[in-house]
Amino acid sequence: MRLMMSATPTSASASVDSINALPDSKRRLSEAQLKINSNLSPEVINYNNLVETVKDLEVTSSQPGFWDDLKRAQDILTEMNRLKAMISRVDGWKVAIEDVGVLIEMMVEDPAEQCKRMGWGTCLSIGNYYQL
């Protein structure tokens, strides 16, 4: 659902339209949080296992003689980088969900003031980016 605001809305219409969009935005945010949490489960991504595996690979890569077997060393570093990229993506999901949650709470408090403070273009951009 998109924020229903025109480029130059009146304060009253922006408040009403924003408030009407907020319950659905909260619901969608909650659904996204559930999806992320289910993806982090041991059966899917197993985030904690990824973090531990990267730590183990970092220890392995710091051992004396690590580079003695170049092929093995490259394989280990490739796997470590792949896992780090996956962890980074998951961390990005978490941050995005938190950011949207904060934005929604700010909008609940005073939608017109928040959009005025951020600028209407920013409000519309954020809404479009997160498909609010």
N, C-alpha and C. Protein backbone atom coordinates (compact mmCIF):
# COMPACT_ATOMS: atom_id res chain seq x y z
N MET A 1 0.84 -1.16 0.00
CA MET A 1 0.00 0.00 0.00
C MET A 1 0.89 1.23 0.00
N ARG A 2 0.59 2.15 -0.81
CA ARG A 2 1.38 3.38 -0.92
C ARG A 2 0.78 4.45 -0.02
N LEU A 3 1.65 5.32 0.50
CA LEU A 3 1.15 6.46 1.25
C LEU A 3 0.33 7.30 0.29
N MET A 4 -0.83 7.66 0.71
CA MET A 4 -1.74 8.37 -0.18
C MET A 4 -1.61 9.86 0.05
N MET A 5 -0.54 10.43 -0.48
CA MET A 5 -0.29 11.86 -0.32
C MET A 5 0.04 12.46 -1.66
N SER A 6 -0.49 13.63 -1.90
CA SER A 6 -0.10 14.34 -3.12
C SER A 6 1.19 15.09 -2.84
N ALA A 7 1.79 15.63 -3.86
CA ALA A 7 3.07 16.32 -3.70
C ALA A 7 2.95 17.54 -2.80
N THR A 8 1.78 18.17 -2.78
CA THR A 8 1.59 19.35 -1.94
C THR A 8 0.27 19.23 -1.19
N PRO A 9 0.16 18.23 -0.30
CA PRO A 9 -1.09 18.04 0.40
C PRO A 9 -1.30 19.08 1.48
N THR A 10 -2.55 19.26 1.84
CA THR A 10 -2.85 20.10 2.98
C THR A 10 -2.53 19.29 4.22
N SER A 11 -2.31 19.96 5.31
CA SER A 11 -1.96 19.28 6.54
C SER A 11 -3.06 18.33 6.97
N ALA A 12 -4.30 18.73 6.86
CA ALA A 12 -5.42 17.89 7.29
C ALA A 12 -5.55 16.65 6.42
N SER A 13 -5.48 16.81 5.09
CA SER A 13 -5.64 15.64 4.22
C SER A 13 -4.46 14.70 4.36
N ALA A 14 -3.26 15.22 4.55
CA ALA A 14 -2.08 14.37 4.73
C ALA A 14 -2.22 13.54 6.00
N SER A 15 -2.71 14.16 7.06
CA SER A 15 -2.88 13.45 8.32
C SER A 15 -3.87 12.31 8.18
N VAL A 16 -5.01 12.59 7.56
CA VAL A 16 -6.05 11.57 7.41
C VAL A 16 -5.55 10.44 6.52
N ASP A 17 -4.98 10.76 5.36
CA ASP A 17 -4.51 9.73 4.45
C ASP A 17 -3.38 8.92 5.07
N SER A 18 -2.45 9.58 5.76
CA SER A 18 -1.34 8.88 6.38
C SER A 18 -1.83 7.95 7.47
N ILE A 19 -2.74 8.43 8.29
CA ILE A 19 -3.26 7.63 9.39
C ILE A 19 -4.00 6.42 8.83
N ASN A 20 -4.73 6.57 7.72
CA ASN A 20 -5.43 5.44 7.13
C ASN A 20 -4.45 4.41 6.60
N ALA A 21 -3.29 4.83 6.14
CA ALA A 21 -2.30 3.90 5.61
C ALA A 21 -1.52 3.20 6.71
N LEU A 22 -1.48 3.77 7.90
CA LEU A 22 -0.63 3.23 8.96
C LEU A 22 -1.05 1.85 9.46
N PRO A 23 -2.33 1.58 9.69
CA PRO A 23 -2.67 0.23 10.18
C PRO A 23 -2.21 -0.86 9.20
N ASP A 24 -2.42 -0.65 7.91
CA ASP A 24 -1.99 -1.64 6.94
C ASP A 24 -0.46 -1.72 6.89
N SER A 25 0.20 -0.59 7.05
CA SER A 25 1.67 -0.59 7.06
C SER A 25 2.19 -1.37 8.25
N LYS A 26 1.56 -1.20 9.40
CA LYS A 26 1.97 -1.95 10.59
C LYS A 26 1.76 -3.45 10.37
N ARG A 27 0.65 -3.81 9.76
CA ARG A 27 0.35 -5.22 9.49
C ARG A 27 1.41 -5.80 8.54
N ARG A 28 1.72 -5.06 7.48
CA ARG A 28 2.71 -5.53 6.51
C ARG A 28 4.10 -5.64 7.14
N LEU A 29 4.43 -4.70 8.01
CA LEU A 29 5.71 -4.75 8.70
C LEU A 29 5.77 -5.99 9.58
N SER A 30 4.69 -6.27 10.29
CA SER A 30 4.62 -7.45 11.14
C SER A 30 4.78 -8.73 10.31
N GLU A 31 4.14 -8.78 9.15
CA GLU A 31 4.29 -9.93 8.26
C GLU A 31 5.72 -10.08 7.78
N ALA A 32 6.35 -8.98 7.45
CA ALA A 32 7.75 -9.02 7.01
C ALA A 32 8.66 -9.52 8.13
N GLN A 33 8.39 -9.06 9.36
CA GLN A 33 9.19 -9.52 10.50
C GLN A 33 9.05 -11.03 10.67
N LEU A 34 7.83 -11.54 10.52
CA LEU A 34 7.61 -12.98 10.64
C LEU A 34 8.36 -13.75 9.56
N LYS A 35 8.34 -13.23 8.33
CA LYS A 35 9.05 -13.89 7.23
C LYS A 35 10.55 -13.91 7.49
N ILE A 36 11.07 -12.79 7.96
CA ILE A 36 12.51 -12.74 8.25
C ILE A 36 12.86 -13.72 9.35
N ASN A 37 12.07 -13.72 10.42
CA ASN A 37 12.35 -14.64 11.52
C ASN A 37 12.27 -16.09 11.07
N SER A 38 11.30 -16.42 10.22
CA SER A 38 11.21 -17.80 9.75
C SER A 38 12.39 -18.14 8.85
N ASN A 39 12.88 -17.18 8.08
CA ASN A 39 14.05 -17.42 7.24
C ASN A 39 15.33 -17.58 8.05
N LEU A 40 15.34 -17.07 9.26
CA LEU A 40 16.52 -17.18 10.11
C LEU A 40 16.55 -18.48 10.91
N SER A 41 15.50 -19.28 10.79
CA SER A 41 15.40 -20.52 11.56
C SER A 41 16.48 -21.51 11.13
N PRO A 42 16.79 -22.46 12.00
CA PRO A 42 17.80 -23.47 11.66
C PRO A 42 17.46 -24.28 10.41
N GLU A 43 16.19 -24.41 10.10
CA GLU A 43 15.79 -25.19 8.93
C GLU A 43 16.01 -24.45 7.62
N VAL A 44 16.15 -23.12 7.68
CA VAL A 44 16.28 -22.34 6.44
C VAL A 44 17.69 -21.78 6.34
N ILE A 45 17.96 -20.67 6.97
CA ILE A 45 19.28 -20.03 6.86
C ILE A 45 20.19 -20.40 8.03
N ASN A 46 19.63 -20.54 9.21
CA ASN A 46 20.38 -20.81 10.43
C ASN A 46 21.47 -19.76 10.63
N TYR A 47 21.00 -18.55 10.89
CA TYR A 47 21.86 -17.37 11.03
C TYR A 47 22.97 -17.60 12.05
N ASN A 48 22.62 -18.14 13.22
CA ASN A 48 23.63 -18.33 14.26
C ASN A 48 24.73 -19.29 13.80
N ASN A 49 24.35 -20.31 13.06
CA ASN A 49 25.33 -21.25 12.53
C ASN A 49 26.24 -20.56 11.51
N LEU A 50 25.67 -19.68 10.69
CA LEU A 50 26.49 -18.93 9.72
C LEU A 50 27.56 -18.11 10.43
N VAL A 51 27.15 -17.41 11.47
CA VAL A 51 28.08 -16.57 12.22
C VAL A 51 29.19 -17.41 12.84
N GLU A 52 28.82 -18.53 13.43
CA GLU A 52 29.83 -19.41 14.04
C GLU A 52 30.77 -20.00 12.99
N THR A 53 30.24 -20.37 11.84
CA THR A 53 31.07 -20.92 10.78
C THR A 53 32.08 -19.89 10.28
N VAL A 54 31.65 -18.64 10.15
CA VAL A 54 32.57 -17.58 9.72
C VAL A 54 33.67 -17.40 10.76
N LYS A 55 33.30 -17.41 12.04
CA LYS A 55 34.32 -17.29 13.09
C LYS A 55 35.34 -18.43 13.00
N ASP A 56 34.83 -19.65 12.79
CA ASP A 56 35.73 -20.80 12.67
C ASP A 56 36.66 -20.66 11.46
N LEU A 57 36.10 -20.21 10.33
CA LEU A 57 36.91 -20.03 9.13
C LEU A 57 37.95 -18.93 9.32
N GLU A 58 37.59 -17.89 10.07
CA GLU A 58 38.55 -16.81 10.34
C GLU A 58 39.71 -17.33 11.20
N VAL A 59 39.39 -18.19 12.17
CA VAL A 59 40.44 -18.78 13.00
C VAL A 59 41.34 -19.66 12.13
N THR A 60 40.71 -20.47 11.30
CA THR A 60 41.46 -21.35 10.40
C THR A 60 42.38 -20.55 9.49
N SER A 61 41.86 -19.45 8.95
CA SER A 61 42.66 -18.65 8.01
C SER A 61 43.79 -17.90 8.67
N SER A 62 43.76 -17.79 9.98
CA SER A 62 44.84 -17.08 10.68
C SER A 62 45.92 -18.03 11.21
N GLN A 63 45.74 -19.31 10.97
CA GLN A 63 46.71 -20.30 11.46
C GLN A 63 47.99 -20.28 10.63
N PRO A 64 49.11 -20.57 11.28
CA PRO A 64 50.37 -20.68 10.52
C PRO A 64 50.23 -21.81 9.50
N GLY A 65 50.77 -21.61 8.33
CA GLY A 65 50.73 -22.63 7.29
C GLY A 65 49.44 -22.64 6.48
N PHE A 66 48.56 -21.69 6.75
CA PHE A 66 47.27 -21.64 6.04
C PHE A 66 47.49 -21.58 4.54
N TRP A 67 48.47 -20.82 4.11
CA TRP A 67 48.70 -20.62 2.67
C TRP A 67 49.57 -21.71 2.04
N ASP A 68 49.95 -22.70 2.82
CA ASP A 68 50.77 -23.78 2.27
C ASP A 68 50.02 -24.55 1.17
N ASP A 69 48.73 -24.72 1.37
CA ASP A 69 47.90 -25.37 0.35
C ASP A 69 47.03 -24.26 -0.27
N LEU A 70 47.52 -23.69 -1.36
CA LEU A 70 46.87 -22.52 -1.98
C LEU A 70 45.43 -22.79 -2.37
N LYS A 71 45.15 -23.94 -2.96
CA LYS A 71 43.79 -24.27 -3.40
C LYS A 71 42.85 -24.33 -2.20
N ARG A 72 43.25 -24.99 -1.15
CA ARG A 72 42.43 -25.11 0.07
C ARG A 72 42.21 -23.72 0.68
N ALA A 73 43.26 -22.91 0.74
CA ALA A 73 43.16 -21.56 1.31
C ALA A 73 42.16 -20.72 0.51
N GLN A 74 42.25 -20.80 -0.81
CA GLN A 74 41.32 -20.04 -1.64
C GLN A 74 39.89 -20.52 -1.46
N ASP A 75 39.70 -21.83 -1.35
CA ASP A 75 38.36 -22.38 -1.12
C ASP A 75 37.78 -21.89 0.21
N ILE A 76 38.60 -21.88 1.23
CA ILE A 76 38.15 -21.43 2.55
C ILE A 76 37.78 -19.94 2.50
N LEU A 77 38.62 -19.13 1.87
CA LEU A 77 38.33 -17.69 1.79
C LEU A 77 37.09 -17.42 0.94
N THR A 78 36.90 -18.18 -0.12
CA THR A 78 35.71 -18.03 -0.95
C THR A 78 34.45 -18.34 -0.14
N GLU A 79 34.50 -19.44 0.58
CA GLU A 79 33.35 -19.82 1.41
C GLU A 79 33.10 -18.79 2.51
N MET A 80 34.15 -18.31 3.13
CA MET A 80 34.02 -17.30 4.19
C MET A 80 33.39 -16.03 3.63
N ASN A 81 33.82 -15.58 2.47
CA ASN A 81 33.25 -14.38 1.85
C ASN A 81 31.79 -14.59 1.46
N ARG A 82 31.46 -15.78 0.97
CA ARG A 82 30.07 -16.09 0.61
C ARG A 82 29.17 -16.01 1.85
N LEU A 83 29.63 -16.60 2.94
CA LEU A 83 28.85 -16.58 4.18
C LEU A 83 28.74 -15.17 4.76
N LYS A 84 29.83 -14.41 4.69
CA LYS A 84 29.78 -13.03 5.17
C LYS A 84 28.78 -12.20 4.37
N ALA A 85 28.70 -12.42 3.07
CA ALA A 85 27.73 -11.70 2.23
C ALA A 85 26.31 -12.07 2.63
N MET A 86 26.09 -13.35 2.93
CA MET A 86 24.76 -13.78 3.35
C MET A 86 24.39 -13.15 4.69
N ILE A 87 25.33 -13.13 5.61
CA ILE A 87 25.11 -12.51 6.92
C ILE A 87 24.80 -11.03 6.76
N SER A 88 25.55 -10.37 5.89
CA SER A 88 25.34 -8.94 5.64
C SER A 88 23.94 -8.69 5.09
N ARG A 89 23.49 -9.54 4.19
CA ARG A 89 22.15 -9.39 3.62
C ARG A 89 21.08 -9.54 4.71
N VAL A 90 21.25 -10.54 5.56
CA VAL A 90 20.29 -10.77 6.65
C VAL A 90 20.30 -9.58 7.61
N ASP A 91 21.49 -9.09 7.95
CA ASP A 91 21.59 -7.92 8.83
C ASP A 91 20.88 -6.72 8.19
N GLY A 92 21.00 -6.58 6.88
CA GLY A 92 20.30 -5.52 6.17
C GLY A 92 18.80 -5.64 6.28
N TRP A 93 18.29 -6.88 6.21
CA TRP A 93 16.85 -7.10 6.39
C TRP A 93 16.41 -6.60 7.76
N LYS A 94 17.19 -6.98 8.78
CA LYS A 94 16.83 -6.59 10.15
C LYS A 94 16.81 -5.07 10.31
N VAL A 95 17.84 -4.41 9.80
CA VAL A 95 17.93 -2.95 9.91
C VAL A 95 16.78 -2.28 9.16
N ALA A 96 16.47 -2.78 7.97
CA ALA A 96 15.37 -2.18 7.19
C ALA A 96 14.05 -2.31 7.93
N ILE A 97 13.80 -3.46 8.52
CA ILE A 97 12.56 -3.66 9.28
C ILE A 97 12.52 -2.71 10.47
N GLU A 98 13.63 -2.57 11.18
CA GLU A 98 13.67 -1.65 12.32
C GLU A 98 13.45 -0.21 11.87
N ASP A 99 14.08 0.18 10.77
CA ASP A 99 13.93 1.54 10.25
C ASP A 99 12.49 1.84 9.88
N VAL A 100 11.85 0.90 9.21
CA VAL A 100 10.45 1.11 8.82
C VAL A 100 9.58 1.18 10.06
N GLY A 101 9.86 0.34 11.06
CA GLY A 101 9.09 0.39 12.30
C GLY A 101 9.19 1.74 12.98
N VAL A 102 10.39 2.29 13.03
CA VAL A 102 10.59 3.61 13.63
C VAL A 102 9.84 4.67 12.83
N LEU A 103 9.93 4.59 11.50
CA LEU A 103 9.23 5.54 10.65
C LEU A 103 7.72 5.48 10.88
N ILE A 104 7.19 4.28 10.97
CA ILE A 104 5.75 4.13 11.21
C ILE A 104 5.37 4.74 12.55
N GLU A 105 6.15 4.47 13.58
CA GLU A 105 5.84 5.04 14.90
C GLU A 105 5.90 6.57 14.87
N MET A 106 6.87 7.12 14.15
CA MET A 106 6.96 8.57 14.03
C MET A 106 5.72 9.11 13.31
N MET A 107 5.29 8.39 12.29
CA MET A 107 4.11 8.83 11.54
C MET A 107 2.85 8.73 12.38
N VAL A 108 2.78 7.74 13.26
CA VAL A 108 1.62 7.60 14.14
C VAL A 108 1.54 8.81 15.07
N GLU A 109 2.68 9.22 15.59
CA GLU A 109 2.71 10.33 16.53
C GLU A 109 2.21 11.63 15.89
N ASP A 110 2.72 11.95 14.72
CA ASP A 110 2.31 13.20 14.05
C ASP A 110 2.71 13.13 12.58
N PRO A 111 1.84 12.53 11.76
CA PRO A 111 2.21 12.31 10.36
C PRO A 111 2.54 13.59 9.60
N ALA A 112 1.74 14.60 9.76
CA ALA A 112 1.98 15.83 9.00
C ALA A 112 3.30 16.46 9.42
N GLU A 113 3.57 16.48 10.70
CA GLU A 113 4.81 17.08 11.19
C GLU A 113 6.03 16.29 10.72
N GLN A 114 5.95 14.95 10.74
CA GLN A 114 7.08 14.14 10.31
C GLN A 114 7.39 14.35 8.83
N CYS A 115 6.34 14.39 8.00
CA CYS A 115 6.57 14.60 6.56
C CYS A 115 7.06 16.02 6.31
N LYS A 116 6.55 16.96 7.08
CA LYS A 116 7.00 18.35 6.93
C LYS A 116 8.49 18.44 7.30
N ARG A 117 8.86 17.78 8.39
CA ARG A 117 10.24 17.81 8.86
C ARG A 117 11.18 17.12 7.86
N MET A 118 10.75 15.97 7.33
CA MET A 118 11.59 15.23 6.39
C MET A 118 11.48 15.77 4.98
N GLY A 119 10.44 16.50 4.71
CA GLY A 119 10.15 16.97 3.36
C GLY A 119 9.20 16.00 2.69
N TRP A 120 8.22 16.51 2.02
CA TRP A 120 7.20 15.66 1.40
C TRP A 120 7.83 14.69 0.41
N GLY A 121 8.83 15.13 -0.33
CA GLY A 121 9.47 14.24 -1.29
C GLY A 121 10.11 13.04 -0.60
N THR A 122 10.74 13.28 0.57
CA THR A 122 11.35 12.19 1.32
C THR A 122 10.28 11.23 1.80
N CYS A 123 9.18 11.78 2.30
CA CYS A 123 8.07 10.94 2.76
C CYS A 123 7.57 10.05 1.63
N LEU A 124 7.36 10.64 0.49
CA LEU A 124 6.86 9.88 -0.65
C LEU A 124 7.91 8.86 -1.12
N SER A 125 9.18 9.24 -1.11
CA SER A 125 10.24 8.32 -1.52
C SER A 125 10.32 7.13 -0.59
N ILE A 126 10.27 7.37 0.71
CA ILE A 126 10.32 6.29 1.68
C ILE A 126 9.11 5.38 1.51
N GLY A 127 7.96 5.97 1.36
CA GLY A 127 6.75 5.19 1.16
C GLY A 127 6.82 4.34 -0.08
N ASN A 128 7.34 4.90 -1.15
CA ASN A 128 7.47 4.14 -2.41
C ASN A 128 8.53 3.06 -2.27
N TYR A 129 9.66 3.38 -1.62
CA TYR A 129 10.74 2.40 -1.48
C TYR A 129 10.26 1.17 -0.71
N TYR A 130 9.58 1.41 0.40
CA TYR A 130 9.11 0.31 1.22
C TYR A 130 7.72 -0.16 0.83
N GLN A 131 7.18 0.40 -0.23
CA GLN A 131 5.85 0.08 -0.75
C GLN A 131 4.79 0.20 0.34
N LEU A 132 4.84 1.31 1.06
CA LEU A 132 3.83 1.58 2.10
C LEU A 132 2.60 2.15 1.47
